[in-house]
Amino acid sequence: MAEQILSGAEKTLVLLKPDTVARGLTGRIIARFEDAALKIIAIKMAQLDAEFTRKHYFDLEERLGVDIYNSTATFMQTGPVIALALEGVDAVAKVRQIIGSTYPNAAAPGTVRGDFAHQTKASSEASGKAVMNLVHASGNSEEAKYEVALWFESSEQFDYATLAEKYAY
């Protein structure tokens, strides 16, 4: 398991959703995290099944309703996703800032969703489809701990030093 070397360092999970993979945006999006001095400590590509999707989105139905859960679960199973465990100072908040607002039309230019995603909340609701917003990111530190552990065994997480740690912190 990776040690917390930096003061304030934490881990977070990012999923590059099926729309990211299908559109060939994975490298461009991963580069944004690395440019922000976030370290990739684990990465894998996976095809979600219904059981794992339920484990990942365990509280979505309770929070937002069955229709949102069903559309999200269906979408997440349409193609492969790329899961990344990232580590860095204030990683959860930093990732959320980089990806932008949940709804692409509300995401600021310069964010992943603001630059690459195009769907609005209204179009999602009208079509009954999940919001195709390219990226899932842990919403808070507790969620990040759960999600990183769900997706990656400790033996799949790597501890190494980056130049960013040496020069940026």
Protein backbone atom coordinates (compact mmCIF):
# COMPACT_ATOMS: atom_id res chain seq x y z
CA MET A 1 0.00 0.00 0.00
CA ALA A 2 1.27 3.48 -0.82
CA GLU A 3 2.41 5.52 2.16
CA GLN A 4 1.19 9.06 2.69
CA ILE A 5 4.48 10.92 2.19
CA LEU A 6 3.23 14.47 1.76
CA SER A 7 1.36 16.44 4.38
CA GLY A 8 -2.26 16.67 3.25
CA ALA A 9 -1.85 13.91 0.67
CA GLU A 10 -4.86 11.73 0.02
CA LYS A 11 -6.08 9.20 -2.50
CA THR A 12 -9.08 9.51 -4.77
CA LEU A 13 -10.74 7.50 -7.51
CA VAL A 14 -11.41 8.64 -11.05
CA LEU A 15 -13.34 6.64 -13.63
CA LEU A 16 -12.99 7.57 -17.26
CA LYS A 17 -16.45 6.57 -18.42
CA PRO A 18 -17.40 4.71 -21.62
CA ASP A 19 -17.89 8.00 -23.51
CA THR A 20 -14.30 9.05 -22.70
CA VAL A 21 -12.90 5.74 -23.91
CA ALA A 22 -15.06 5.66 -27.07
CA ARG A 23 -14.11 9.24 -27.98
CA GLY A 24 -10.37 8.64 -27.52
CA LEU A 25 -10.00 11.28 -24.79
CA THR A 26 -8.29 9.14 -22.14
CA GLY A 27 -4.76 10.41 -22.67
CA ARG A 28 -5.81 14.05 -22.81
CA ILE A 29 -7.78 13.74 -19.58
CA ILE A 30 -5.13 11.74 -17.71
CA ALA A 31 -2.56 14.37 -18.69
CA ARG A 32 -4.62 17.05 -16.92
CA PHE A 33 -4.37 15.14 -13.65
CA GLU A 34 -0.63 14.60 -14.05
CA ASP A 35 -0.17 18.27 -15.00
CA ALA A 36 -1.79 19.15 -11.66
CA ALA A 37 0.83 17.10 -9.74
CA LEU A 38 -1.54 14.22 -9.05
CA LYS A 39 0.26 10.88 -9.02
CA ILE A 40 -1.27 7.78 -10.61
CA ILE A 41 -0.83 5.03 -8.03
CA ALA A 42 -3.08 2.47 -9.75
CA ILE A 43 -4.79 2.11 -13.14
CA LYS A 44 -6.88 -0.51 -14.92
CA MET A 45 -9.43 -0.94 -17.68
CA ALA A 46 -12.61 -2.85 -16.84
CA GLN A 47 -16.01 -3.73 -18.23
CA LEU A 48 -18.59 -3.29 -15.49
CA ASP A 49 -21.26 -5.87 -14.80
CA ALA A 50 -24.51 -5.26 -12.90
CA GLU A 51 -23.12 -6.53 -9.59
CA PHE A 52 -20.00 -4.35 -9.58
CA THR A 53 -21.95 -1.33 -10.84
CA ARG A 54 -24.28 -1.73 -7.83
CA LYS A 55 -21.29 -1.89 -5.46
CA HIS A 56 -19.77 1.25 -6.96
CA TYR A 57 -23.02 3.26 -7.07
CA PHE A 58 -24.37 1.68 -3.87
CA ASP A 59 -26.19 4.83 -2.68
CA LEU A 60 -27.15 6.49 -5.97
CA GLU A 61 -30.66 5.05 -6.07
CA GLU A 62 -31.33 6.20 -2.50
CA ARG A 63 -29.95 9.69 -3.17
CA LEU A 64 -31.35 10.40 -6.65
CA GLY A 65 -33.97 7.76 -7.38
CA VAL A 66 -34.36 4.54 -9.31
CA ASP A 67 -34.53 6.19 -12.74
CA ILE A 68 -31.19 7.97 -12.26
CA TYR A 69 -29.60 4.78 -10.94
CA ASN A 70 -30.93 2.68 -13.82
CA SER A 71 -29.83 5.12 -16.54
CA THR A 72 -26.40 5.52 -14.95
CA ALA A 73 -25.92 1.77 -14.45
CA THR A 74 -26.99 1.03 -18.02
CA PHE A 75 -24.64 3.67 -19.43
CA MET A 76 -21.68 2.55 -17.33
CA GLN A 77 -22.06 -0.97 -18.73
CA THR A 78 -22.07 0.11 -22.41
CA GLY A 79 -18.30 -0.06 -22.79
CA PRO A 80 -15.04 -0.24 -20.90
CA VAL A 81 -14.03 2.26 -18.26
CA ILE A 82 -10.56 3.21 -17.07
CA ALA A 83 -10.15 3.41 -13.30
CA LEU A 84 -7.37 5.49 -11.76
CA ALA A 85 -6.37 5.85 -8.15
CA LEU A 86 -4.70 9.23 -7.81
CA GLU A 87 -2.70 10.58 -4.90
CA GLY A 88 -1.75 14.12 -4.03
CA VAL A 89 -2.27 17.06 -1.73
CA ASP A 90 -6.03 17.67 -1.45
CA ALA A 91 -6.52 15.16 -4.28
CA VAL A 92 -10.31 14.85 -3.91
CA ALA A 93 -10.94 18.60 -4.18
CA LYS A 94 -8.30 19.08 -6.86
CA VAL A 95 -9.80 16.39 -9.09
CA ARG A 96 -13.32 17.81 -8.64
CA GLN A 97 -11.99 21.22 -9.67
CA ILE A 98 -10.25 19.80 -12.75
CA ILE A 99 -13.31 17.90 -13.98
CA GLY A 100 -15.88 20.66 -13.40
CA SER A 101 -19.59 20.63 -12.63
CA THR A 102 -21.60 17.41 -12.98
CA TYR A 103 -23.68 18.90 -15.78
CA PRO A 104 -21.47 19.75 -18.74
CA ASN A 105 -23.43 22.88 -19.69
CA ALA A 106 -22.69 24.28 -16.20
CA ALA A 107 -19.00 23.30 -16.24
CA ALA A 108 -16.52 26.11 -16.66
CA PRO A 109 -14.31 26.33 -19.74
CA GLY A 110 -10.93 24.83 -18.93
CA THR A 111 -12.44 21.94 -16.99
CA VAL A 112 -12.67 18.44 -18.48
CA ARG A 113 -16.45 18.59 -18.72
CA GLY A 114 -16.48 22.21 -19.83
CA ASP A 115 -14.09 21.47 -22.68
CA PHE A 116 -15.14 17.99 -23.84
CA ALA A 117 -18.69 17.19 -22.66
CA HIS A 118 -21.77 18.74 -24.24
CA GLN A 119 -24.94 17.32 -22.70
CA THR A 120 -27.27 19.43 -20.59
CA LYS A 121 -29.34 18.33 -17.59
CA ALA A 122 -32.50 19.06 -19.59
CA SER A 123 -31.38 16.92 -22.55
CA SER A 124 -30.48 14.08 -20.20
CA GLU A 125 -33.88 14.24 -18.51
CA ALA A 126 -35.75 14.52 -21.82
CA SER A 127 -33.94 11.53 -23.35
CA GLY A 128 -33.97 9.42 -20.17
CA LYS A 129 -30.26 8.80 -20.71
CA ALA A 130 -27.52 9.19 -18.13
CA VAL A 131 -25.54 12.39 -18.18
CA MET A 132 -22.59 11.60 -20.42
CA ASN A 133 -20.10 13.72 -18.55
CA LEU A 134 -16.95 11.69 -19.24
CA VAL A 135 -15.64 11.27 -15.70
CA HIS A 136 -16.66 9.99 -12.29
CA ALA A 137 -14.68 11.30 -9.34
CA SER A 138 -15.00 10.62 -5.64
CA GLY A 139 -17.14 13.29 -4.00
CA ASN A 140 -15.40 13.43 -0.64
CA SER A 141 -12.64 11.76 1.38
CA GLU A 142 -14.85 9.00 2.82
CA GLU A 143 -16.23 8.14 -0.59
CA ALA A 144 -12.68 8.14 -1.98
CA LYS A 145 -11.50 5.63 0.63
CA TYR A 146 -14.41 3.31 -0.16
CA GLU A 147 -14.00 3.61 -3.94
CA VAL A 148 -10.21 3.18 -4.05
CA ALA A 149 -10.52 0.05 -1.87
CA LEU A 150 -13.37 -1.28 -4.03
CA TRP A 151 -11.44 -0.88 -7.27
CA PHE A 152 -7.87 -1.64 -6.19
CA GLU A 153 -6.31 -4.15 -3.81
CA SER A 154 -3.43 -2.68 -1.78
CA SER A 155 -1.04 -4.82 -3.87
CA GLU A 156 -2.25 -2.98 -7.01
CA GLN A 157 -1.35 0.45 -5.56
CA PHE A 158 2.18 1.69 -6.05
CA ASP A 159 4.35 3.89 -3.86
CA TYR A 160 6.97 5.89 -5.74
CA ALA A 161 8.34 9.42 -5.81
CA THR A 162 7.63 11.92 -8.57
CA LEU A 163 9.48 15.06 -9.53
CA ALA A 164 6.35 17.01 -8.70
CA GLU A 165 6.69 15.90 -5.09
CA LYS A 166 10.26 17.10 -5.07
CA TYR A 167 9.72 20.44 -6.75
CA ALA A 168 6.07 21.40 -6.23
CA TYR A 169 5.69 20.69 -2.50
